[in-house]
Amino acid sequence: MENPIPPLSTEEELKPLVDNKLIKVREIKPILPPKPTITVSYPHNWRNLTQDFVGSLVGLILKETSKKPKDRILGSIFHEGSCYVDMNRERLVVNFLNHSQDSHLLMIDPDISFKDTLLEEFASLIQRAPEVGILAARVDIRNGLPVFYYQHPDGVSLVHYAQAFKGIREFDYVGTGVILLSREVLFSIYTQLNHAHMFSLMIEEGTNRKLGDDLSFCKRAKSLGHKVYGTWDIYCIHHKDYPIQSRYPSAQEVQITKRD
């Protein structure tokens, strides 16, 4: 049955959803919080490791290992391989909490390429906004559109936000293709859920719609009081062409905002 709620058609209608959501990254002050250290991880099924991803990872490792030890951001590297992506993400979180001393876990899907400065870019943002515990990079999935969403006032549809911005902005949902998660947030979610799965697929109450692992994670995190953020400043490339509607059917019900 078609959704009776009309789609958003003007920027004026979108404005109430996005006002006051932008965090302006603070200017660097003489004293900053301790430099973060980051565990890089990637969930895979042994068949979806792309050449672009491997090349990017090797470049990042070479850049980090060329630094003096005190200047390095890269801590550990974890991977998990099975046919279930959500299960791989769960295992990565458990391994990180149990076996890493780093302050943050960075998950990168193995069909994404990125710059060798990826860790430096993330570290710079979270040093200036240390309250941010869930931060997704801009990963375009089709026609240059990133996975940043607001919940439509109808409570069902999603507003796909694709307008360039500086700094860090709060969203209702972000993609998990390249996402940085703080140890504090992961431990909080893991313990509050009583060790239940934080990435497992959800059936949305009221719509019976199956949510992917990224929307499911964001929904659980927000229900436990955590905020979800995205940044346009860190850009990564997704090398598979997934139509938006195949993953987020309600995205076709609203107008996509245009870039500046």
C-alpha atoms as a PDB file:
ATOM      1  CA  MET A   1       0.000   0.000   0.000  1.00  0.00           C
ATOM      2  CA  GLU A   2       1.337   3.439  -0.900  1.00  0.00           C
ATOM      3  CA  ASN A   3       2.353   5.759   1.895  1.00  0.00           C
ATOM      4  CA  PRO A   4      -0.378   8.441   2.220  1.00  0.00           C
ATOM      5  CA  ILE A   5       2.111  10.981   3.603  1.00  0.00           C
ATOM      6  CA  PRO A   6       3.168  13.373   0.814  1.00  0.00           C
ATOM      7  CA  PRO A   7       6.899  13.639   0.123  1.00  0.00           C
ATOM      8  CA  LEU A   8       8.945  16.618   1.203  1.00  0.00           C
ATOM      9  CA  SER A   9       9.041  19.051  -1.662  1.00  0.00           C
ATOM     10  CA  THR A  10      10.781  22.193  -0.465  1.00  0.00           C
ATOM     11  CA  GLU A  11      13.799  23.160   1.597  1.00  0.00           C
ATOM     12  CA  GLU A  12      11.433  24.992   3.982  1.00  0.00           C
ATOM     13  CA  GLU A  13       9.784  21.695   4.889  1.00  0.00           C
ATOM     14  CA  LEU A  14      13.182  20.080   5.465  1.00  0.00           C
ATOM     15  CA  LYS A  15      14.573  22.925   7.569  1.00  0.00           C
ATOM     16  CA  PRO A  16      12.927  21.991  10.910  1.00  0.00           C
ATOM     17  CA  LEU A  17      14.518  18.545  10.702  1.00  0.00           C
ATOM     18  CA  VAL A  18      18.083  19.794  10.400  1.00  0.00           C
ATOM     19  CA  ASP A  19      18.203  23.015  12.434  1.00  0.00           C
ATOM     20  CA  ASN A  20      20.535  22.905  15.424  1.00  0.00           C
ATOM     21  CA  LYS A  21      21.987  19.586  14.343  1.00  0.00           C
ATOM     22  CA  LEU A  22      25.385  20.906  13.245  1.00  0.00           C
ATOM     23  CA  ILE A  23      28.354  20.772  15.581  1.00  0.00           C
ATOM     24  CA  LYS A  24      30.917  23.332  14.560  1.00  0.00           C
ATOM     25  CA  VAL A  25      34.300  21.797  15.199  1.00  0.00           C
ATOM     26  CA  ARG A  26      36.074  23.924  17.750  1.00  0.00           C
ATOM     27  CA  GLU A  27      39.295  25.694  16.907  1.00  0.00           C
ATOM     28  CA  ILE A  28      42.414  23.933  18.181  1.00  0.00           C
ATOM     29  CA  LYS A  29      43.402  25.257  21.598  1.00  0.00           C
ATOM     30  CA  PRO A  30      46.844  25.000  23.195  1.00  0.00           C
ATOM     31  CA  ILE A  31      45.658  22.081  25.382  1.00  0.00           C
ATOM     32  CA  LEU A  32      43.760  19.279  23.663  1.00  0.00           C
ATOM     33  CA  PRO A  33      42.441  15.982  25.016  1.00  0.00           C
ATOM     34  CA  PRO A  34      44.903  13.099  24.702  1.00  0.00           C
ATOM     35  CA  LYS A  35      45.514  12.032  21.131  1.00  0.00           C
ATOM     36  CA  PRO A  36      43.221   9.114  20.280  1.00  0.00           C
ATOM     37  CA  THR A  37      44.557   5.760  19.251  1.00  0.00           C
ATOM     38  CA  ILE A  38      42.468   3.778  16.801  1.00  0.00           C
ATOM     39  CA  THR A  39      41.983   0.085  16.133  1.00  0.00           C
ATOM     40  CA  VAL A  40      41.217  -0.461  12.448  1.00  0.00           C
ATOM     41  CA  SER A  41      38.866  -3.346  11.712  1.00  0.00           C
ATOM     42  CA  TYR A  42      37.036  -4.783   8.749  1.00  0.00           C
ATOM     43  CA  PRO A  43      34.181  -7.301   8.559  1.00  0.00           C
ATOM     44  CA  HIS A  44      34.226  -9.514   5.480  1.00  0.00           C
ATOM     45  CA  ASN A  45      33.093 -12.816   4.036  1.00  0.00           C
ATOM     46  CA  TRP A  46      36.459 -13.669   2.408  1.00  0.00           C
ATOM     47  CA  ARG A  47      35.017 -12.964  -1.051  1.00  0.00           C
ATOM     48  CA  ASN A  48      34.304  -9.252  -0.870  1.00  0.00           C
ATOM     49  CA  LEU A  49      37.821  -7.995  -0.172  1.00  0.00           C
ATOM     50  CA  THR A  50      38.422  -5.597  -3.047  1.00  0.00           C
ATOM     51  CA  GLN A  51      41.734  -4.512  -4.514  1.00  0.00           C
ATOM     52  CA  ASP A  52      40.840  -0.882  -3.784  1.00  0.00           C
ATOM     53  CA  PHE A  53      40.338  -1.627  -0.084  1.00  0.00           C
ATOM     54  CA  VAL A  54      43.520  -3.682   0.264  1.00  0.00           C
ATOM     55  CA  GLY A  55      45.558  -0.990  -1.478  1.00  0.00           C
ATOM     56  CA  SER A  56      44.104   1.685   0.797  1.00  0.00           C
ATOM     57  CA  LEU A  57      44.786  -0.372   3.935  1.00  0.00           C
ATOM     58  CA  VAL A  58      48.381  -1.054   2.930  1.00  0.00           C
ATOM     59  CA  GLY A  59      48.901   2.658   2.252  1.00  0.00           C
ATOM     60  CA  LEU A  60      47.490   3.568   5.661  1.00  0.00           C
ATOM     61  CA  ILE A  61      49.702   1.023   7.434  1.00  0.00           C
ATOM     62  CA  LEU A  62      52.822   2.222   5.610  1.00  0.00           C
ATOM     63  CA  LYS A  63      52.064   5.831   6.516  1.00  0.00           C
ATOM     64  CA  GLU A  64      51.483   5.019  10.189  1.00  0.00           C
ATOM     65  CA  THR A  65      54.533   2.773  10.569  1.00  0.00           C
ATOM     66  CA  SER A  66      56.739   5.453   9.015  1.00  0.00           C
ATOM     67  CA  LYS A  67      55.936   7.753  11.957  1.00  0.00           C
ATOM     68  CA  LYS A  68      57.748   7.865  15.274  1.00  0.00           C
ATOM     69  CA  PRO A  69      55.967   5.621  17.795  1.00  0.00           C
ATOM     70  CA  LYS A  70      54.734   8.584  19.844  1.00  0.00           C
ATOM     71  CA  ASP A  71      53.058  10.071  16.758  1.00  0.00           C
ATOM     72  CA  ARG A  72      51.223   6.953  15.621  1.00  0.00           C
ATOM     73  CA  ILE A  73      47.433   6.798  15.728  1.00  0.00           C
ATOM     74  CA  LEU A  74      47.055   3.218  14.499  1.00  0.00           C
ATOM     75  CA  GLY A  75      46.964   0.700  17.303  1.00  0.00           C
ATOM     76  CA  SER A  76      45.674  -2.752  16.391  1.00  0.00           C
ATOM     77  CA  ILE A  77      44.156  -4.242  13.234  1.00  0.00           C
ATOM     78  CA  PHE A  78      41.307  -6.743  13.567  1.00  0.00           C
ATOM     79  CA  HIS A  79      39.234  -8.605  11.004  1.00  0.00           C
ATOM     80  CA  GLU A  80      36.349 -11.046  11.148  1.00  0.00           C
ATOM     81  CA  GLY A  81      35.176 -13.228   8.299  1.00  0.00           C
ATOM     82  CA  SER A  82      31.863 -15.043   7.920  1.00  0.00           C
ATOM     83  CA  CYS A  83      28.834 -14.802   5.665  1.00  0.00           C
ATOM     84  CA  TYR A  84      26.944 -12.670   8.217  1.00  0.00           C
ATOM     85  CA  VAL A  85      28.086  -9.049   8.289  1.00  0.00           C
ATOM     86  CA  ASP A  86      26.196  -8.168  11.475  1.00  0.00           C
ATOM     87  CA  MET A  87      27.820 -11.109  13.286  1.00  0.00           C
ATOM     88  CA  ASN A  88      31.250  -9.987  12.073  1.00  0.00           C
ATOM     89  CA  ARG A  89      30.629  -6.515  13.484  1.00  0.00           C
ATOM     90  CA  GLU A  90      29.586  -7.992  16.828  1.00  0.00           C
ATOM     91  CA  ARG A  91      32.781 -10.042  17.034  1.00  0.00           C
ATOM     92  CA  LEU A  92      34.899  -7.032  16.164  1.00  0.00           C
ATOM     93  CA  VAL A  93      33.334  -5.066  19.023  1.00  0.00           C
ATOM     94  CA  VAL A  94      33.912  -7.901  21.517  1.00  0.00           C
ATOM     95  CA  ASN A  95      37.522  -8.367  20.372  1.00  0.00           C
ATOM     96  CA  PHE A  96      38.127  -4.636  20.610  1.00  0.00           C
ATOM     97  CA  LEU A  97      36.717  -4.350  24.133  1.00  0.00           C
ATOM     98  CA  ASN A  98      38.616  -7.427  25.336  1.00  0.00           C
ATOM     99  CA  HIS A  99      41.921  -7.259  23.494  1.00  0.00           C
ATOM    100  CA  SER A 100      42.682  -3.662  22.496  1.00  0.00           C
ATOM    101  CA  GLN A 101      43.865  -0.746  24.598  1.00  0.00           C
ATOM    102  CA  ASP A 102      42.952   1.822  21.949  1.00  0.00           C
ATOM    103  CA  SER A 103      40.433   4.600  22.556  1.00  0.00           C
ATOM    104  CA  HIS A 104      38.411   4.059  19.355  1.00  0.00           C
ATOM    105  CA  LEU A 105      37.348   1.323  16.958  1.00  0.00           C
ATOM    106  CA  LEU A 106      37.170   2.166  13.256  1.00  0.00           C
ATOM    107  CA  MET A 107      35.093  -0.197  11.122  1.00  0.00           C
ATOM    108  CA  ILE A 108      35.681  -0.131   7.365  1.00  0.00           C
ATOM    109  CA  ASP A 109      33.793  -2.295   4.898  1.00  0.00           C
ATOM    110  CA  PRO A 110      36.182  -4.135   2.545  1.00  0.00           C
ATOM    111  CA  ASP A 111      34.675  -2.697  -0.660  1.00  0.00           C
ATOM    112  CA  ILE A 112      35.628   0.891   0.251  1.00  0.00           C
ATOM    113  CA  SER A 113      38.754   2.860  -0.607  1.00  0.00           C
ATOM    114  CA  PHE A 114      40.137   5.722   1.460  1.00  0.00           C
ATOM    115  CA  LYS A 115      43.117   8.039   1.819  1.00  0.00           C
ATOM    116  CA  ASP A 116      46.169   7.114   3.874  1.00  0.00           C
ATOM    117  CA  THR A 117      45.366  10.141   6.058  1.00  0.00           C
ATOM    118  CA  LEU A 118      42.042   8.615   7.199  1.00  0.00           C
ATOM    119  CA  LEU A 119      43.127   8.134  10.820  1.00  0.00           C
ATOM    120  CA  GLU A 120      44.598  11.621  11.034  1.00  0.00           C
ATOM    121  CA  GLU A 121      41.357  13.134   9.728  1.00  0.00           C
ATOM    122  CA  PHE A 122      39.221  11.250  12.250  1.00  0.00           C
ATOM    123  CA  ALA A 123      41.614  12.025  15.101  1.00  0.00           C
ATOM    124  CA  SER A 124      41.574  15.727  14.289  1.00  0.00           C
ATOM    125  CA  LEU A 125      37.772  15.875  14.399  1.00  0.00           C
ATOM    126  CA  ILE A 126      37.269  13.952  17.611  1.00  0.00           C
ATOM    127  CA  GLN A 127      40.045  15.803  19.433  1.00  0.00           C
ATOM    128  CA  ARG A 128      38.109  18.989  18.801  1.00  0.00           C
ATOM    129  CA  ALA A 129      34.723  17.416  19.597  1.00  0.00           C
ATOM    130  CA  PRO A 130      35.494  14.714  22.200  1.00  0.00           C
ATOM    131  CA  GLU A 131      31.807  14.314  23.090  1.00  0.00           C
ATOM    132  CA  VAL A 132      31.249  12.587  19.742  1.00  0.00           C
ATOM    133  CA  GLY A 133      31.297   8.809  20.234  1.00  0.00           C
ATOM    134  CA  ILE A 134      29.687   7.643  16.965  1.00  0.00           C
ATOM    135  CA  LEU A 135      30.989   9.319  13.812  1.00  0.00           C
ATOM    136  CA  ALA A 136      30.461   8.132  10.233  1.00  0.00           C
ATOM    137  CA  ALA A 137      32.475   9.295   7.256  1.00  0.00           C
ATOM    138  CA  ARG A 138      30.816  10.329   4.027  1.00  0.00           C
ATOM    139  CA  VAL A 139      30.568   7.217   1.868  1.00  0.00           C
ATOM    140  CA  ASP A 140      28.673   7.746  -1.361  1.00  0.00           C
ATOM    141  CA  ILE A 141      26.479   4.830  -2.398  1.00  0.00           C
ATOM    142  CA  ARG A 142      24.871   6.085  -5.590  1.00  0.00           C
ATOM    143  CA  ASN A 143      24.943   9.247  -7.688  1.00  0.00           C
ATOM    144  CA  GLY A 144      27.212  10.843  -5.114  1.00  0.00           C
ATOM    145  CA  LEU A 145      24.714  10.470  -2.267  1.00  0.00           C
ATOM    146  CA  PRO A 146      25.968   9.594   1.238  1.00  0.00           C
ATOM    147  CA  VAL A 147      24.159   7.481   3.830  1.00  0.00           C
ATOM    148  CA  PHE A 148      22.961  10.293   6.125  1.00  0.00           C
ATOM    149  CA  TYR A 149      19.292  10.265   7.150  1.00  0.00           C
ATOM    150  CA  TYR A 150      16.725  12.060   9.273  1.00  0.00           C
ATOM    151  CA  GLN A 151      13.460  10.516  10.362  1.00  0.00           C
ATOM    152  CA  HIS A 152      10.480  11.975   8.505  1.00  0.00           C
ATOM    153  CA  PRO A 153       7.767  13.457  10.765  1.00  0.00           C
ATOM    154  CA  ASP A 154       5.448  10.665   9.596  1.00  0.00           C
ATOM    155  CA  GLY A 155       7.571   8.309  11.686  1.00  0.00           C
ATOM    156  CA  VAL A 156       8.032   5.931   8.761  1.00  0.00           C
ATOM    157  CA  SER A 157       9.914   7.542   5.884  1.00  0.00           C
ATOM    158  CA  LEU A 158      13.535   8.649   5.889  1.00  0.00           C
ATOM    159  CA  VAL A 159      14.820  12.004   4.668  1.00  0.00           C
ATOM    160  CA  HIS A 160      18.037  11.463   2.740  1.00  0.00           C
ATOM    161  CA  TYR A 161      20.353  14.380   3.556  1.00  0.00           C
ATOM    162  CA  ALA A 162      22.870  15.134   0.814  1.00  0.00           C
ATOM    163  CA  GLN A 163      23.785  18.776   1.271  1.00  0.00           C
ATOM    164  CA  ALA A 164      27.456  19.585   1.856  1.00  0.00           C
ATOM    165  CA  PHE A 165      28.381  20.853   5.321  1.00  0.00           C
ATOM    166  CA  LYS A 166      31.505  21.553   7.335  1.00  0.00           C
ATOM    167  CA  GLY A 167      32.379  19.840  10.580  1.00  0.00           C
ATOM    168  CA  ILE A 168      30.154  17.298  12.309  1.00  0.00           C
ATOM    169  CA  ARG A 169      26.364  17.054  12.126  1.00  0.00           C
ATOM    170  CA  GLU A 170      23.931  14.996  14.163  1.00  0.00           C
ATOM    171  CA  PHE A 171      21.693  12.594  12.238  1.00  0.00           C
ATOM    172  CA  ASP A 172      19.094   9.995  13.078  1.00  0.00           C
ATOM    173  CA  TYR A 173      20.792   7.323  10.994  1.00  0.00           C
ATOM    174  CA  VAL A 174      24.189   6.953   9.312  1.00  0.00           C
ATOM    175  CA  GLY A 175      25.836   4.207   7.315  1.00  0.00           C
ATOM    176  CA  THR A 176      28.379   1.898   8.921  1.00  0.00           C
ATOM    177  CA  GLY A 177      30.642   1.603   5.877  1.00  0.00           C
ATOM    178  CA  VAL A 178      33.294   3.759   7.569  1.00  0.00           C
ATOM    179  CA  ILE A 179      32.370   4.495  11.176  1.00  0.00           C
ATOM    180  CA  LEU A 180      34.406   5.475  14.227  1.00  0.00           C
ATOM    181  CA  LEU A 181      33.156   4.277  17.629  1.00  0.00           C
ATOM    182  CA  SER A 182      34.567   5.264  21.001  1.00  0.00           C
ATOM    183  CA  ARG A 183      35.356   2.661  23.625  1.00  0.00           C
ATOM    184  CA  GLU A 184      33.033   4.382  26.110  1.00  0.00           C
ATOM    185  CA  VAL A 185      30.048   4.276  23.765  1.00  0.00           C
ATOM    186  CA  LEU A 186      30.638   0.664  22.733  1.00  0.00           C
ATOM    187  CA  PHE A 187      31.023  -0.483  26.334  1.00  0.00           C
ATOM    188  CA  SER A 188      27.889   1.426  27.335  1.00  0.00           C
ATOM    189  CA  ILE A 189      25.772  -0.062  24.540  1.00  0.00           C
ATOM    190  CA  TYR A 190      27.164  -3.551  25.028  1.00  0.00           C
ATOM    191  CA  THR A 191      26.463  -3.600  28.757  1.00  0.00           C
ATOM    192  CA  GLN A 192      23.061  -1.887  28.557  1.00  0.00           C
ATOM    193  CA  LEU A 193      21.908  -4.444  26.013  1.00  0.00           C
ATOM    194  CA  ASN A 194      23.078  -7.187  28.401  1.00  0.00           C
ATOM    195  CA  HIS A 195      25.539  -8.384  25.784  1.00  0.00           C
ATOM    196  CA  ALA A 196      22.762  -8.733  23.199  1.00  0.00           C
ATOM    197  CA  HIS A 197      23.518  -8.078  19.568  1.00  0.00           C
ATOM    198  CA  MET A 198      23.874  -4.387  18.771  1.00  0.00           C
ATOM    199  CA  PHE A 199      24.139  -4.831  14.981  1.00  0.00           C
ATOM    200  CA  SER A 200      21.659  -7.652  14.424  1.00  0.00           C
ATOM    201  CA  LEU A 201      18.871  -6.855  11.984  1.00  0.00           C
ATOM    202  CA  MET A 202      15.681  -5.430  13.467  1.00  0.00           C
ATOM    203  CA  ILE A 203      12.063  -5.653  12.427  1.00  0.00           C
ATOM    204  CA  GLU A 204      10.725  -2.144  12.937  1.00  0.00           C
ATOM    205  CA  GLU A 205       7.740  -1.995  15.243  1.00  0.00           C
ATOM    206  CA  GLY A 206       4.625  -0.633  13.568  1.00  0.00           C
ATOM    207  CA  THR A 207       5.887  -1.045   9.988  1.00  0.00           C
ATOM    208  CA  ASN A 208       7.259  -4.622  10.041  1.00  0.00           C
ATOM    209  CA  ARG A 209      10.071  -3.249   7.909  1.00  0.00           C
ATOM    210  CA  LYS A 210      13.415  -5.051   8.100  1.00  0.00           C
ATOM    211  CA  LEU A 211      16.228  -2.651   8.946  1.00  0.00           C
ATOM    212  CA  GLY A 212      19.818  -3.218   7.863  1.00  0.00           C
ATOM    213  CA  ASP A 213      22.654  -3.558  10.371  1.00  0.00           C
ATOM    214  CA  ASP A 214      23.506   0.151  10.102  1.00  0.00           C
ATOM    215  CA  LEU A 215      19.994   1.473  10.774  1.00  0.00           C
ATOM    216  CA  SER A 216      19.484  -1.168  13.463  1.00  0.00           C
ATOM    217  CA  PHE A 217      22.668  -0.098  15.253  1.00  0.00           C
ATOM    218  CA  CYS A 218      21.743   3.590  15.105  1.00  0.00           C
ATOM    219  CA  LYS A 219      18.237   2.901  16.380  1.00  0.00           C
ATOM    220  CA  ARG A 220      19.563   0.926  19.362  1.00  0.00           C
ATOM    221  CA  ALA A 221      22.267   3.488  20.151  1.00  0.00           C
ATOM    222  CA  LYS A 222      19.797   6.364  20.139  1.00  0.00           C
ATOM    223  CA  SER A 223      17.313   4.445  22.284  1.00  0.00           C
ATOM    224  CA  LEU A 224      20.066   4.164  24.910  1.00  0.00           C
ATOM    225  CA  GLY A 225      20.767   7.895  24.884  1.00  0.00           C
ATOM    226  CA  HIS A 226      23.689   8.098  22.474  1.00  0.00           C
ATOM    227  CA  LYS A 227      23.869  10.557  19.586  1.00  0.00           C
ATOM    228  CA  VAL A 228      24.792   9.644  16.026  1.00  0.00           C
ATOM    229  CA  TYR A 229      26.960  11.919  13.906  1.00  0.00           C
ATOM    230  CA  GLY A 230      28.287  12.165  10.382  1.00  0.00           C
ATOM    231  CA  THR A 231      30.917  14.281   8.695  1.00  0.00           C
ATOM    232  CA  TRP A 232      31.177  15.439   5.105  1.00  0.00           C
ATOM    233  CA  ASP A 233      34.858  16.306   5.596  1.00  0.00           C
ATOM    234  CA  ILE A 234      36.076  12.693   5.446  1.00  0.00           C
ATOM    235  CA  TYR A 235      35.294  11.213   2.048  1.00  0.00           C
ATOM    236  CA  CYS A 236      35.573   7.528   1.117  1.00  0.00           C
ATOM    237  CA  ILE A 237      34.535   5.721  -2.050  1.00  0.00           C
ATOM    238  CA  HIS A 238      32.204   2.739  -2.157  1.00  0.00           C
ATOM    239  CA  HIS A 239      33.030   0.440  -5.066  1.00  0.00           C
ATOM    240  CA  LYS A 240      29.729  -1.398  -5.343  1.00  0.00           C
ATOM    241  CA  ASP A 241      26.580   0.094  -6.840  1.00  0.00           C
ATOM    242  CA  TYR A 242      23.722  -0.545  -4.435  1.00  0.00           C
ATOM    243  CA  PRO A 243      20.549   1.325  -5.413  1.00  0.00           C
ATOM    244  CA  ILE A 244      19.300   3.297  -2.442  1.00  0.00           C
ATOM    245  CA  GLN A 245      15.831   1.799  -2.640  1.00  0.00           C
ATOM    246  CA  SER A 246      17.155  -1.758  -2.397  1.00  0.00           C
ATOM    247  CA  ARG A 247      18.432  -1.037   1.123  1.00  0.00           C
ATOM    248  CA  TYR A 248      16.170   1.788   2.262  1.00  0.00           C
ATOM    249  CA  PRO A 249      12.794   1.449   0.505  1.00  0.00           C
ATOM    250  CA  SER A 250      11.313   4.539   2.154  1.00  0.00           C
ATOM    251  CA  ALA A 251      14.040   6.762   0.667  1.00  0.00           C
ATOM    252  CA  GLN A 252      12.006   6.910  -2.561  1.00  0.00           C
ATOM    253  CA  GLU A 253       9.109   8.531  -0.697  1.00  0.00           C
ATOM    254  CA  VAL A 254      10.904  11.797   0.036  1.00  0.00           C
ATOM    255  CA  GLN A 255      12.761  14.351  -1.994  1.00  0.00           C
ATOM    256  CA  ILE A 256      16.532  14.134  -1.894  1.00  0.00           C
ATOM    257  CA  THR A 257      18.126  17.478  -1.091  1.00  0.00           C
ATOM    258  CA  LYS A 258      20.644  18.759  -3.576  1.00  0.00           C
ATOM    259  CA  ARG A 259      24.272  19.517  -2.941  1.00  0.00           C
ATOM    260  CA  ASP A 260      25.556  23.074  -2.826  1.00  0.00           C
END
